N, C-alpha and C. Protein backbone atom coordinates (compact mmCIF):
# COMPACT_ATOMS: atom_id res chain seq x y z
N MET A 1 195.80 179.63 142.75
CA MET A 1 196.63 178.89 143.80
C MET A 1 195.94 179.08 145.17
N TYR A 2 195.97 177.93 145.91
CA TYR A 2 195.40 177.93 147.17
C TYR A 2 196.31 178.64 148.15
N ASP A 3 195.80 179.17 149.13
CA ASP A 3 196.65 179.68 150.32
C ASP A 3 196.91 178.30 151.25
N LYS A 4 198.27 178.11 151.43
CA LYS A 4 198.55 176.85 152.21
C LYS A 4 198.06 176.98 153.51
N GLU A 5 198.13 178.24 154.11
CA GLU A 5 197.70 178.24 155.47
C GLU A 5 196.23 178.11 155.62
N LYS A 6 195.50 178.46 154.76
CA LYS A 6 193.90 178.38 154.78
C LYS A 6 193.71 176.84 154.81
N ILE A 7 194.40 176.22 153.73
CA ILE A 7 194.28 174.47 153.45
C ILE A 7 194.43 173.91 154.94
N VAL A 8 195.69 174.23 155.52
CA VAL A 8 195.93 173.65 156.78
C VAL A 8 194.96 173.99 157.82
N SER A 9 194.67 175.16 157.86
CA SER A 9 193.60 175.59 158.86
C SER A 9 192.40 174.79 158.83
N LEU A 10 191.76 174.73 157.36
CA LEU A 10 190.63 174.02 157.13
C LEU A 10 190.76 172.46 157.35
N GLY A 11 191.87 171.83 156.97
CA GLY A 11 192.35 170.57 157.59
C GLY A 11 192.23 170.42 159.02
N LYS A 12 192.45 171.29 159.93
CA LYS A 12 192.53 171.18 161.30
C LYS A 12 191.04 171.06 161.60
N GLN A 13 190.31 172.07 161.26
CA GLN A 13 188.89 172.35 161.50
C GLN A 13 188.03 170.90 161.33
N ALA A 14 188.05 170.46 160.20
CA ALA A 14 187.79 169.19 159.76
C ALA A 14 188.16 168.01 160.76
N PHE A 15 189.39 168.01 160.91
CA PHE A 15 190.09 166.93 161.97
C PHE A 15 189.40 167.00 163.29
N VAL A 16 189.02 168.44 163.88
CA VAL A 16 188.42 168.66 165.22
C VAL A 16 187.06 168.25 165.42
N LYS A 17 186.24 168.25 164.38
CA LYS A 17 185.01 167.89 164.15
C LYS A 17 184.59 166.71 164.48
N ARG A 18 185.14 165.73 164.00
CA ARG A 18 184.90 164.55 163.96
C ARG A 18 185.15 163.82 165.52
N PRO A 19 186.30 163.95 166.17
CA PRO A 19 186.19 163.53 167.55
C PRO A 19 185.21 164.33 168.47
N THR A 20 185.00 165.64 168.12
CA THR A 20 183.89 166.41 168.86
C THR A 20 182.51 165.45 168.87
N PHE A 21 182.41 164.95 167.72
CA PHE A 21 180.76 164.47 167.35
C PHE A 21 181.07 163.10 168.20
N LEU A 22 182.02 162.29 167.97
CA LEU A 22 182.12 161.03 168.64
C LEU A 22 182.02 161.36 170.16
N LYS A 23 182.71 162.27 170.71
CA LYS A 23 182.56 162.44 172.16
C LYS A 23 181.14 162.89 172.48
N ARG A 24 180.43 163.50 171.74
CA ARG A 24 178.96 163.75 172.16
C ARG A 24 178.20 162.51 171.75
N ALA A 25 178.43 161.57 171.03
CA ALA A 25 177.73 160.44 170.61
C ALA A 25 177.83 159.61 171.81
N PHE A 26 178.98 159.38 172.31
CA PHE A 26 179.17 158.54 173.25
C PHE A 26 179.56 159.32 174.54
N SER A 27 178.67 160.18 174.83
CA SER A 27 179.00 160.92 176.42
C SER A 27 178.54 160.26 177.27
N TYR A 28 178.90 160.54 178.67
CA TYR A 28 178.48 160.07 179.68
C TYR A 28 177.21 159.88 180.12
N THR A 29 176.30 161.09 179.84
CA THR A 29 174.73 160.92 179.82
C THR A 29 174.03 159.89 178.95
N ASN A 30 174.39 159.83 177.82
CA ASN A 30 174.01 158.76 176.69
C ASN A 30 174.31 157.21 177.24
N PHE A 31 175.45 157.18 177.77
CA PHE A 31 175.85 155.76 178.30
C PHE A 31 175.07 155.44 179.51
N LEU A 32 174.62 156.48 180.41
CA LEU A 32 173.94 156.36 181.38
C LEU A 32 172.44 155.83 181.05
N ILE A 33 171.91 156.66 180.25
CA ILE A 33 170.81 156.44 179.50
C ILE A 33 170.48 154.91 179.02
N ALA A 34 171.62 154.54 178.40
CA ALA A 34 171.68 153.33 177.78
C ALA A 34 171.73 152.30 178.77
N THR A 35 172.36 152.51 179.82
CA THR A 35 172.51 151.46 180.94
C THR A 35 171.24 151.34 181.72
N ILE A 36 170.38 152.44 182.06
CA ILE A 36 168.95 152.44 182.47
C ILE A 36 167.99 151.62 181.63
N LEU A 37 168.28 151.69 180.47
CA LEU A 37 167.22 151.01 179.36
C LEU A 37 167.62 149.62 179.25
N GLY A 38 168.88 149.35 179.41
CA GLY A 38 169.53 147.75 179.45
C GLY A 38 168.93 147.27 180.63
N PHE A 39 168.86 147.94 181.75
CA PHE A 39 168.33 147.38 183.15
C PHE A 39 166.91 146.99 183.16
N ALA A 40 166.33 147.95 182.54
CA ALA A 40 164.80 147.94 182.31
C ALA A 40 164.56 146.78 181.34
N VAL A 41 165.05 146.45 180.27
CA VAL A 41 165.03 145.41 179.42
C VAL A 41 165.21 144.00 180.14
N LEU A 42 166.36 144.04 181.02
CA LEU A 42 166.69 142.77 181.38
C LEU A 42 165.78 142.51 182.38
N THR A 43 165.40 143.42 183.18
CA THR A 43 164.39 143.41 184.39
C THR A 43 163.05 142.69 183.84
N PHE A 44 162.43 142.99 182.71
CA PHE A 44 161.26 142.57 182.21
C PHE A 44 161.34 141.24 181.73
N PHE A 45 162.57 140.63 181.16
CA PHE A 45 162.68 139.35 180.85
C PHE A 45 162.91 138.49 182.01
N VAL A 46 163.72 139.07 182.84
CA VAL A 46 163.80 138.39 183.95
C VAL A 46 162.53 137.94 184.98
N ARG A 47 161.74 138.79 184.79
CA ARG A 47 160.46 138.33 185.47
C ARG A 47 159.57 137.40 184.85
N GLN A 48 159.88 137.11 183.68
CA GLN A 48 159.44 136.00 182.88
C GLN A 48 159.88 134.81 182.78
N TYR A 49 161.34 134.73 183.28
CA TYR A 49 162.11 133.49 183.24
C TYR A 49 162.84 133.36 184.69
N ASP A 50 162.70 132.18 185.01
CA ASP A 50 163.71 131.80 186.20
C ASP A 50 165.03 131.97 186.02
N TYR A 51 165.59 131.49 184.81
CA TYR A 51 166.80 131.64 184.32
C TYR A 51 166.96 131.25 182.88
N PHE A 52 167.95 131.98 182.19
CA PHE A 52 168.23 131.52 180.69
C PHE A 52 169.13 130.71 180.60
N ASN A 53 169.32 130.15 179.25
CA ASN A 53 170.35 129.19 178.98
C ASN A 53 171.45 129.48 179.29
N PHE A 54 172.00 130.63 178.78
CA PHE A 54 173.32 131.16 178.93
C PHE A 54 173.75 131.14 180.59
N ASP A 55 172.74 131.59 181.17
CA ASP A 55 172.88 131.68 182.73
C ASP A 55 173.66 130.04 183.17
N LEU A 56 172.74 129.17 182.83
CA LEU A 56 173.32 127.72 183.14
C LEU A 56 174.62 127.49 182.68
N THR A 57 174.79 128.00 181.56
CA THR A 57 176.17 127.64 180.78
C THR A 57 177.15 128.25 181.29
N ILE A 58 176.95 129.45 181.78
CA ILE A 58 178.25 130.38 182.64
C ILE A 58 178.35 129.61 183.88
N THR A 59 177.23 129.36 184.55
CA THR A 59 177.65 128.88 185.94
C THR A 59 178.31 127.75 185.84
N ILE A 60 178.10 126.67 185.07
CA ILE A 60 178.68 125.36 184.93
C ILE A 60 180.03 125.52 184.41
N PHE A 61 180.22 126.46 183.58
CA PHE A 61 181.95 126.88 183.25
C PHE A 61 182.60 127.44 184.51
N ILE A 62 181.99 128.40 184.99
CA ILE A 62 182.80 128.86 186.49
C ILE A 62 182.89 127.92 187.25
N GLN A 63 181.84 126.96 187.62
CA GLN A 63 182.14 126.08 188.97
C GLN A 63 183.16 124.76 188.07
N LYS A 64 183.50 124.78 186.98
CA LYS A 64 184.68 123.69 186.96
C LYS A 64 185.76 123.95 187.35
N TYR A 65 186.12 125.42 187.67
CA TYR A 65 187.41 125.71 188.46
C TYR A 65 187.15 125.47 189.94
N SER A 66 187.42 124.42 190.38
CA SER A 66 187.03 124.05 191.60
C SER A 66 188.40 123.78 192.56
N GLN A 67 189.55 124.43 192.00
CA GLN A 67 190.71 124.27 193.09
C GLN A 67 190.67 124.83 194.31
N ASN A 68 191.27 124.45 195.20
CA ASN A 68 191.29 125.08 196.45
C ASN A 68 191.42 126.39 196.65
N TRP A 69 192.42 126.96 195.84
CA TRP A 69 192.91 128.35 195.90
C TRP A 69 191.68 129.28 195.39
N PHE A 70 191.18 128.81 194.34
CA PHE A 70 189.98 129.42 193.77
C PHE A 70 188.80 129.37 194.44
N ASP A 71 188.59 128.26 195.05
CA ASP A 71 187.40 128.18 196.28
C ASP A 71 187.73 129.24 197.07
N LEU A 72 188.75 129.21 197.87
CA LEU A 72 188.94 130.11 199.02
C LEU A 72 188.85 131.61 198.43
N LEU A 73 189.37 131.82 197.39
CA LEU A 73 189.35 133.29 196.90
C LEU A 73 188.03 133.72 196.59
N MET A 74 187.03 133.07 196.08
CA MET A 74 185.62 133.12 195.81
C MET A 74 185.03 133.56 197.34
N ARG A 75 185.39 132.50 198.29
CA ARG A 75 184.64 132.79 199.52
C ARG A 75 185.00 134.19 200.34
N LEU A 76 186.43 134.39 199.96
CA LEU A 76 186.90 135.60 200.78
C LEU A 76 186.32 136.84 199.95
N ILE A 77 186.14 136.88 198.68
CA ILE A 77 185.52 137.99 198.03
C ILE A 77 183.97 138.17 198.37
N THR A 78 183.39 137.21 198.62
CA THR A 78 182.01 137.10 198.98
C THR A 78 181.93 137.57 200.27
N LEU A 79 182.87 137.37 201.21
CA LEU A 79 182.95 137.82 202.68
C LEU A 79 182.94 139.35 202.70
N MET A 80 183.70 139.76 201.69
CA MET A 80 183.81 141.19 201.68
C MET A 80 182.67 142.03 201.42
N GLY A 81 181.53 141.18 200.91
CA GLY A 81 180.25 141.82 200.68
C GLY A 81 179.27 141.47 201.62
N ASN A 82 179.46 141.02 202.79
CA ASN A 82 178.63 140.54 203.71
C ASN A 82 178.37 141.60 204.64
N GLY A 83 177.17 141.47 205.42
CA GLY A 83 177.06 142.55 206.50
C GLY A 83 178.05 143.05 207.07
N PRO A 84 178.67 142.03 208.31
CA PRO A 84 179.54 142.35 209.11
C PRO A 84 180.98 143.32 208.46
N ALA A 85 181.29 142.57 207.37
CA ALA A 85 182.56 143.39 206.78
C ALA A 85 182.03 144.70 206.18
N VAL A 86 181.15 144.97 205.61
CA VAL A 86 180.69 146.16 205.22
C VAL A 86 180.44 147.06 206.12
N GLY A 87 179.80 146.67 207.27
CA GLY A 87 179.43 147.61 208.35
C GLY A 87 180.81 148.05 208.93
N ILE A 88 181.71 147.06 209.28
CA ILE A 88 182.98 147.55 209.81
C ILE A 88 183.80 148.62 208.93
N ILE A 89 183.69 148.26 207.76
CA ILE A 89 184.51 149.22 206.83
C ILE A 89 183.75 150.64 206.61
N VAL A 90 182.53 150.67 206.51
CA VAL A 90 181.74 151.94 206.53
C VAL A 90 181.91 152.69 207.80
N ILE A 91 181.81 151.95 209.04
CA ILE A 91 182.17 152.73 210.16
C ILE A 91 183.40 153.27 210.47
N ALA A 92 184.46 152.44 209.94
CA ALA A 92 185.96 152.89 210.31
C ALA A 92 186.31 153.81 209.18
N LEU A 93 185.91 153.77 207.97
CA LEU A 93 186.04 154.95 207.05
C LEU A 93 185.49 156.50 207.46
N SER A 94 183.97 156.07 208.06
CA SER A 94 183.30 157.24 208.26
C SER A 94 183.94 158.08 209.45
N LEU A 95 184.50 157.32 210.45
CA LEU A 95 185.25 157.90 211.77
C LEU A 95 186.36 158.58 211.19
N TYR A 96 187.16 157.90 210.29
CA TYR A 96 188.43 158.53 209.97
C TYR A 96 188.11 159.87 209.06
N GLY A 97 187.13 159.73 208.23
CA GLY A 97 186.86 161.00 207.45
C GLY A 97 186.43 162.03 208.25
N TYR A 98 185.61 161.70 209.43
CA TYR A 98 185.43 163.03 210.38
C TYR A 98 186.48 163.39 211.05
N LEU A 99 187.34 162.50 211.41
CA LEU A 99 188.58 162.94 212.47
C LEU A 99 189.57 163.77 211.47
N ILE A 100 189.63 163.53 210.27
CA ILE A 100 190.39 164.41 209.42
C ILE A 100 189.74 165.76 208.77
N GLY A 101 188.45 165.91 209.31
CA GLY A 101 187.80 167.08 208.85
C GLY A 101 187.12 167.05 207.61
N LYS A 102 186.80 165.82 207.07
CA LYS A 102 185.94 165.64 206.01
C LYS A 102 184.58 165.36 206.53
N ARG A 103 183.55 165.90 205.82
CA ARG A 103 182.08 165.81 206.09
C ARG A 103 181.45 165.10 205.01
N HIS A 104 181.47 165.65 204.01
CA HIS A 104 180.77 165.07 202.86
C HIS A 104 181.04 163.56 202.57
N SER A 105 182.31 163.27 202.35
CA SER A 105 182.75 161.93 201.76
C SER A 105 182.01 160.94 202.84
N PRO A 106 182.29 161.00 204.08
CA PRO A 106 181.77 159.90 204.96
C PRO A 106 180.33 159.76 204.87
N LEU A 107 179.36 160.84 204.94
CA LEU A 107 177.99 160.98 204.69
C LEU A 107 177.72 160.41 203.51
N LEU A 108 178.21 160.38 202.30
CA LEU A 108 177.77 160.19 201.04
C LEU A 108 178.32 158.50 201.13
N LEU A 109 179.38 158.41 201.95
CA LEU A 109 179.74 156.72 201.74
C LEU A 109 178.66 156.02 202.49
N VAL A 110 178.01 156.26 203.61
CA VAL A 110 176.98 155.79 204.27
C VAL A 110 175.76 155.52 203.15
N ILE A 111 175.33 156.75 202.98
CA ILE A 111 174.27 156.72 201.86
C ILE A 111 174.27 155.85 200.60
N SER A 112 175.64 156.01 200.09
CA SER A 112 175.76 154.96 198.74
C SER A 112 175.50 153.53 199.25
N THR A 113 176.28 153.21 200.58
CA THR A 113 176.38 151.87 200.76
C THR A 113 174.96 151.37 201.18
N PHE A 114 174.26 152.00 202.11
CA PHE A 114 172.97 151.50 202.57
C PHE A 114 171.75 151.63 201.66
N GLY A 115 171.87 152.85 200.80
CA GLY A 115 170.97 153.02 199.81
C GLY A 115 171.00 152.03 199.01
N GLY A 116 172.47 151.45 198.45
CA GLY A 116 172.41 150.39 197.57
C GLY A 116 171.66 148.97 198.10
N ILE A 117 171.91 148.57 199.23
CA ILE A 117 171.34 147.69 200.02
C ILE A 117 169.93 147.92 200.02
N ILE A 118 169.50 148.89 200.15
CA ILE A 118 167.87 149.14 200.23
C ILE A 118 167.12 149.04 198.71
N ILE A 119 167.94 149.37 197.82
CA ILE A 119 167.69 149.31 196.34
C ILE A 119 167.36 147.82 195.83
N SER A 120 168.72 147.25 196.45
CA SER A 120 168.55 145.65 196.14
C SER A 120 167.52 145.02 196.70
N GLN A 121 167.09 145.29 198.12
CA GLN A 121 165.97 144.60 198.65
C GLN A 121 164.69 144.85 198.10
N LEU A 122 164.41 145.96 197.61
CA LEU A 122 163.19 146.48 197.16
C LEU A 122 163.20 145.93 195.53
N LEU A 123 164.25 145.88 194.84
CA LEU A 123 164.13 145.16 193.43
C LEU A 123 163.74 143.54 193.72
N LYS A 124 164.60 142.84 194.64
CA LYS A 124 164.34 141.59 194.93
C LYS A 124 162.79 141.29 195.23
N ILE A 125 162.07 142.11 195.99
CA ILE A 125 160.80 141.92 196.37
C ILE A 125 159.98 142.17 195.06
N LEU A 126 160.11 143.11 194.35
CA LEU A 126 159.44 143.29 193.06
C LEU A 126 159.53 142.35 192.07
N VAL A 127 160.68 141.96 191.82
CA VAL A 127 160.93 140.85 190.75
C VAL A 127 160.67 139.36 191.41
N ALA A 128 160.90 139.08 192.41
CA ALA A 128 160.58 137.85 193.02
C ALA A 128 161.26 136.66 192.21
N ARG A 129 162.23 137.01 191.73
CA ARG A 129 163.11 135.71 191.03
C ARG A 129 163.81 134.78 191.96
N PRO A 130 163.42 133.26 191.78
CA PRO A 130 164.05 132.38 192.67
C PRO A 130 165.55 132.50 192.42
N ARG A 131 166.06 131.86 193.58
CA ARG A 131 167.58 131.65 193.42
C ARG A 131 167.82 130.55 192.38
N PRO A 132 169.08 130.15 191.96
CA PRO A 132 169.34 128.98 191.08
C PRO A 132 168.90 127.57 191.81
N ASP A 133 168.30 126.87 190.99
CA ASP A 133 167.97 125.55 191.64
C ASP A 133 168.88 124.67 191.74
N PRO A 134 169.33 124.27 192.96
CA PRO A 134 170.46 123.43 193.27
C PRO A 134 170.52 122.07 192.44
N SER A 135 169.54 121.49 192.01
CA SER A 135 169.36 120.49 191.01
C SER A 135 169.87 120.79 189.68
N LEU A 136 170.30 121.96 189.31
CA LEU A 136 170.84 122.16 188.04
C LEU A 136 172.28 122.47 188.10
N ILE A 137 172.67 123.26 189.26
CA ILE A 137 174.24 123.49 189.64
C ILE A 137 174.49 123.16 190.97
N ASN A 138 175.79 123.44 191.02
CA ASN A 138 176.37 123.01 192.45
C ASN A 138 176.12 124.30 193.63
N GLN A 139 175.47 124.15 194.43
CA GLN A 139 175.03 125.20 195.36
C GLN A 139 175.93 125.21 196.42
N ILE A 140 177.08 125.51 196.42
CA ILE A 140 178.10 125.54 197.63
C ILE A 140 177.81 126.05 199.00
N SER A 141 177.00 127.15 198.99
CA SER A 141 176.65 127.72 200.21
C SER A 141 175.22 127.79 200.38
N HIS A 142 174.64 127.96 201.64
CA HIS A 142 173.21 128.02 201.91
C HIS A 142 172.86 129.47 202.00
N PHE A 143 171.57 129.76 201.59
CA PHE A 143 171.51 131.32 201.54
C PHE A 143 170.11 131.55 202.37
N LEU A 144 170.11 132.60 203.06
CA LEU A 144 169.05 132.89 203.99
C LEU A 144 167.83 133.51 203.11
N GLY A 145 167.95 134.30 202.21
CA GLY A 145 166.95 134.99 201.24
C GLY A 145 166.55 134.21 199.86
N SER A 146 165.41 134.21 199.63
CA SER A 146 165.06 133.13 198.45
C SER A 146 164.96 133.93 197.14
N ASP A 147 165.16 135.13 197.18
CA ASP A 147 164.87 136.04 195.94
C ASP A 147 166.53 136.25 195.40
N SER A 148 166.41 136.41 194.00
CA SER A 148 167.85 136.43 193.35
C SER A 148 168.29 137.51 192.57
N PHE A 149 167.33 138.37 192.08
CA PHE A 149 167.59 139.59 191.23
C PHE A 149 167.15 140.83 191.78
N PRO A 150 168.13 141.77 191.92
CA PRO A 150 169.59 141.45 191.34
C PRO A 150 170.47 140.95 192.33
N SER A 151 171.67 140.87 192.15
CA SER A 151 172.62 140.28 193.23
C SER A 151 172.82 141.45 194.26
N GLY A 152 172.61 141.22 195.70
CA GLY A 152 172.87 142.19 196.50
C GLY A 152 174.25 142.47 197.05
N HIS A 153 175.09 141.50 196.75
CA HIS A 153 176.56 141.52 197.01
C HIS A 153 177.09 142.34 196.00
N VAL A 154 176.68 142.18 194.78
CA VAL A 154 177.41 143.00 193.65
C VAL A 154 177.01 144.42 193.89
N LEU A 155 175.76 144.79 194.24
CA LEU A 155 175.15 146.09 194.23
C LEU A 155 175.96 146.79 195.54
N THR A 156 176.01 145.98 196.46
CA THR A 156 176.74 146.59 197.65
C THR A 156 178.15 146.67 197.37
N ALA A 157 178.82 145.79 196.66
CA ALA A 157 180.38 146.15 196.23
C ALA A 157 180.59 147.31 195.37
N ILE A 158 179.54 147.74 194.53
CA ILE A 158 179.59 148.84 193.65
C ILE A 158 179.18 150.03 194.61
N SER A 159 178.34 150.02 195.36
CA SER A 159 178.04 150.93 196.34
C SER A 159 179.19 151.73 197.21
N LEU A 160 179.88 150.49 197.73
CA LEU A 160 180.83 150.91 199.11
C LEU A 160 182.22 150.86 198.08
N TYR A 161 182.65 150.05 197.51
CA TYR A 161 183.94 149.86 197.01
C TYR A 161 184.15 150.94 195.72
N GLY A 162 183.09 150.97 195.20
CA GLY A 162 182.94 151.89 193.99
C GLY A 162 183.10 153.33 194.42
N PHE A 163 182.44 153.72 195.33
CA PHE A 163 182.68 154.96 195.91
C PHE A 163 184.11 155.45 196.64
N ILE A 164 184.63 154.33 197.27
CA ILE A 164 185.90 154.50 197.82
C ILE A 164 186.94 154.42 196.79
N LEU A 165 186.72 153.95 195.86
CA LEU A 165 187.63 153.85 194.40
C LEU A 165 187.52 155.32 193.91
N TYR A 166 186.47 155.89 193.75
CA TYR A 166 186.25 157.17 193.00
C TYR A 166 186.84 158.32 194.01
N ILE A 167 186.87 158.32 195.02
CA ILE A 167 187.37 159.35 196.40
C ILE A 167 188.94 158.88 196.21
N ALA A 168 189.44 157.79 196.08
CA ALA A 168 190.91 157.60 196.07
C ALA A 168 191.43 158.13 194.77
N TYR A 169 190.72 157.85 193.55
CA TYR A 169 191.15 158.35 192.22
C TYR A 169 191.23 159.75 192.37
N THR A 170 190.07 160.49 192.93
CA THR A 170 190.16 161.93 192.56
C THR A 170 190.58 162.78 193.67
N GLN A 171 191.04 162.16 194.94
CA GLN A 171 191.32 163.06 196.03
C GLN A 171 192.77 162.75 196.32
N LEU A 172 193.23 161.50 196.19
CA LEU A 172 194.58 161.10 196.62
C LEU A 172 195.68 161.60 196.03
N LYS A 173 196.70 161.66 196.36
CA LYS A 173 197.80 161.98 195.44
C LYS A 173 198.38 160.60 194.85
N LYS A 174 198.92 160.67 193.86
CA LYS A 174 199.61 159.41 193.08
C LYS A 174 200.66 158.87 194.06
N SER A 175 200.30 157.61 194.45
CA SER A 175 201.21 156.89 195.22
C SER A 175 201.05 155.48 195.42
N LEU A 176 201.79 154.76 196.13
CA LEU A 176 201.51 153.32 196.17
C LEU A 176 200.13 152.93 196.88
N VAL A 177 199.92 153.81 197.84
CA VAL A 177 198.78 153.59 198.51
C VAL A 177 197.31 153.78 197.64
N ARG A 178 197.64 154.91 196.83
CA ARG A 178 196.56 155.12 196.00
C ARG A 178 196.31 154.20 194.93
N LYS A 179 197.24 153.43 194.53
CA LYS A 179 197.29 152.58 193.66
C LYS A 179 196.70 151.27 194.19
N PHE A 180 197.19 150.82 195.34
CA PHE A 180 196.59 149.77 196.17
C PHE A 180 195.04 149.88 196.24
N ILE A 181 194.48 151.12 196.93
CA ILE A 181 193.37 151.30 197.23
C ILE A 181 192.37 150.87 195.95
N ILE A 182 192.77 151.56 194.61
CA ILE A 182 192.15 151.53 193.55
C ILE A 182 192.08 150.09 193.09
N GLY A 183 193.27 149.45 192.97
CA GLY A 183 193.21 148.06 192.62
C GLY A 183 192.49 147.15 193.41
N PHE A 184 192.55 147.26 194.88
CA PHE A 184 191.83 146.50 195.45
C PHE A 184 190.27 146.52 195.50
N CYS A 185 189.82 147.84 195.44
CA CYS A 185 188.50 148.23 195.18
C CYS A 185 187.95 147.52 193.91
N LEU A 186 188.73 147.93 192.87
CA LEU A 186 188.29 147.13 191.48
C LEU A 186 188.30 145.86 191.38
N SER A 187 189.27 145.03 192.12
CA SER A 187 189.19 143.63 192.05
C SER A 187 187.96 143.26 192.83
N ILE A 188 187.68 143.64 193.96
CA ILE A 188 186.11 143.19 194.80
C ILE A 188 185.27 143.43 193.80
N ILE A 189 184.90 144.49 193.15
CA ILE A 189 183.92 144.76 192.43
C ILE A 189 183.88 143.87 191.11
N LEU A 190 184.70 143.52 190.51
CA LEU A 190 184.67 142.80 189.48
C LEU A 190 184.61 141.12 189.83
N LEU A 191 185.20 140.88 190.86
CA LEU A 191 185.27 139.18 191.31
C LEU A 191 183.91 139.05 191.91
N MET A 192 183.49 139.92 192.72
CA MET A 192 182.17 139.68 193.32
C MET A 192 181.13 139.05 192.58
N GLY A 193 180.81 139.55 191.39
CA GLY A 193 180.02 138.90 190.59
C GLY A 193 180.28 137.35 189.97
N VAL A 194 181.67 137.16 190.01
CA VAL A 194 182.06 135.91 189.70
C VAL A 194 182.08 134.95 190.84
N SER A 195 182.14 135.30 192.01
CA SER A 195 181.93 134.67 193.40
C SER A 195 180.47 134.24 193.49
N ARG A 196 179.61 135.23 193.40
CA ARG A 196 178.41 135.08 193.50
C ARG A 196 177.80 133.67 192.66
N ILE A 197 178.23 133.74 191.50
CA ILE A 197 177.98 132.75 190.59
C ILE A 197 178.71 131.34 190.66
N TYR A 198 179.96 131.63 191.17
CA TYR A 198 180.70 130.05 191.80
C TYR A 198 180.11 129.62 192.78
N LEU A 199 179.52 130.32 193.71
CA LEU A 199 178.84 129.92 194.89
C LEU A 199 177.50 129.35 194.76
N GLY A 200 176.83 129.65 193.62
CA GLY A 200 175.59 129.13 193.16
C GLY A 200 174.59 130.02 193.75
N ALA A 201 174.90 131.19 194.31
CA ALA A 201 173.87 132.09 194.82
C ALA A 201 173.03 132.99 193.77
N HIS A 202 173.66 133.26 192.59
CA HIS A 202 173.04 133.88 191.59
C HIS A 202 173.54 133.43 190.28
N TRP A 203 172.43 133.68 189.36
CA TRP A 203 172.58 133.43 187.88
C TRP A 203 173.45 134.66 187.37
N PHE A 204 174.00 134.62 186.17
CA PHE A 204 174.68 135.50 185.41
C PHE A 204 173.68 136.84 185.46
N SER A 205 172.55 136.40 184.82
CA SER A 205 171.60 137.74 184.70
C SER A 205 171.33 138.60 185.78
N ASP A 206 171.59 137.78 187.07
CA ASP A 206 171.22 138.54 188.38
C ASP A 206 172.40 139.61 188.49
N VAL A 207 173.67 138.92 188.45
CA VAL A 207 174.72 139.64 188.57
C VAL A 207 175.08 140.95 187.45
N LEU A 208 174.58 140.66 186.38
CA LEU A 208 174.48 141.56 185.38
C LEU A 208 173.68 142.83 185.58
N GLY A 209 172.35 142.56 186.16
CA GLY A 209 171.43 143.36 186.56
C GLY A 209 171.77 144.39 187.74
N ALA A 210 172.62 143.61 188.54
CA ALA A 210 173.50 144.47 189.70
C ALA A 210 174.33 145.45 189.21
N TYR A 211 175.11 145.02 188.34
CA TYR A 211 176.19 145.75 187.77
C TYR A 211 175.67 146.95 187.02
N LEU A 212 174.44 146.81 186.29
CA LEU A 212 173.77 147.83 185.48
C LEU A 212 173.20 149.11 186.52
N ILE A 213 172.44 148.53 187.55
CA ILE A 213 171.52 149.33 188.19
C ILE A 213 172.98 149.95 189.38
N GLY A 214 173.78 149.13 189.75
CA GLY A 214 174.87 149.52 190.69
C GLY A 214 175.42 151.02 190.08
N PHE A 215 175.73 150.76 188.89
CA PHE A 215 176.53 152.13 187.93
C PHE A 215 175.75 153.10 188.18
N VAL A 216 174.39 152.92 187.83
CA VAL A 216 173.48 154.09 187.74
C VAL A 216 173.49 154.83 189.21
N TRP A 217 173.16 153.82 190.33
CA TRP A 217 173.22 154.39 191.62
C TRP A 217 174.48 155.15 192.01
N LEU A 218 175.73 154.31 191.57
CA LEU A 218 176.85 155.19 192.06
C LEU A 218 177.16 156.29 191.25
N SER A 219 176.47 156.63 189.92
CA SER A 219 176.60 157.87 189.29
C SER A 219 175.70 159.00 189.90
N VAL A 220 174.56 158.47 190.54
CA VAL A 220 173.73 159.56 191.22
C VAL A 220 174.48 159.98 192.44
N ILE A 221 175.31 159.11 193.09
CA ILE A 221 175.83 159.58 194.55
C ILE A 221 176.96 160.35 194.09
N ILE A 222 177.77 160.10 193.19
CA ILE A 222 178.77 161.04 192.76
C ILE A 222 178.30 162.37 192.20
N PHE A 223 177.44 162.22 191.60
CA PHE A 223 176.66 163.56 191.40
C PHE A 223 176.26 164.69 192.35
N VAL A 224 175.63 163.82 193.49
CA VAL A 224 175.30 164.53 194.71
C VAL A 224 176.63 165.07 195.37
N TYR A 225 177.45 164.12 195.62
CA TYR A 225 178.89 164.50 196.14
C TYR A 225 179.28 165.79 195.53
N HIS A 226 179.51 165.80 194.03
CA HIS A 226 179.83 167.02 193.62
C HIS A 226 178.98 168.41 193.85
N LYS A 227 177.68 168.12 194.04
CA LYS A 227 176.81 169.19 194.46
C LYS A 227 177.08 169.64 195.78
N PHE A 228 177.46 168.72 196.92
CA PHE A 228 177.66 168.83 198.24
C PHE A 228 179.09 169.88 198.25
N LYS A 229 179.88 169.37 197.30
CA LYS A 229 181.35 170.13 197.19
C LYS A 229 181.06 171.82 197.00
N LYS A 230 180.27 171.90 196.40
CA LYS A 230 179.98 173.33 195.81
C LYS A 230 179.24 174.15 196.74
N VAL A 231 178.58 173.55 197.62
CA VAL A 231 177.91 174.21 198.73
C VAL A 231 178.79 175.13 199.74
């Protein structure tokens, strides 16, 4: 006869090992490495092609939704990633942080935001991919820069609103204000990519590239943020 307690114990051990393996297999580090590799592969192909067939298909699909409310929403979302709006938000939050005695968060917010902008500009120069051809899609707005990969607005949104979201999630107590900040920042990040495609500023692959490298950059900022907190 087997000892029932040993059987239960062995059963628990077998049950515990399985999720432990899965946790390691899908760890954050592995996901980050996969993201970097994905961005590298995408960048390689983006340098070879001005756009992909799925880029054109996705743009046409999104631009079908031309209702007034949707058009206004897309323009407002893009506005939240423009220089003046970004500058005002960074300055206001940085000053507020210093006034309440915070030092690391405002500094990292500035580094995250403007670091993301610099990364975007450097990649645009290196890749030199042209913006969507207005003869292929409806280019609703006019753009100063001619380079398209990656989307600067999306990368800026992740760098700025992504860091704000992280601080709100980890530092604020559960409240309606916390929920609003998280929901607002998440909406801006997710809809920024859609708005750039809708306006004809970028292809889907430009937006995807910005999300991938933006996630990597934000991860670096969060890592540095925690290092600062331990000092």
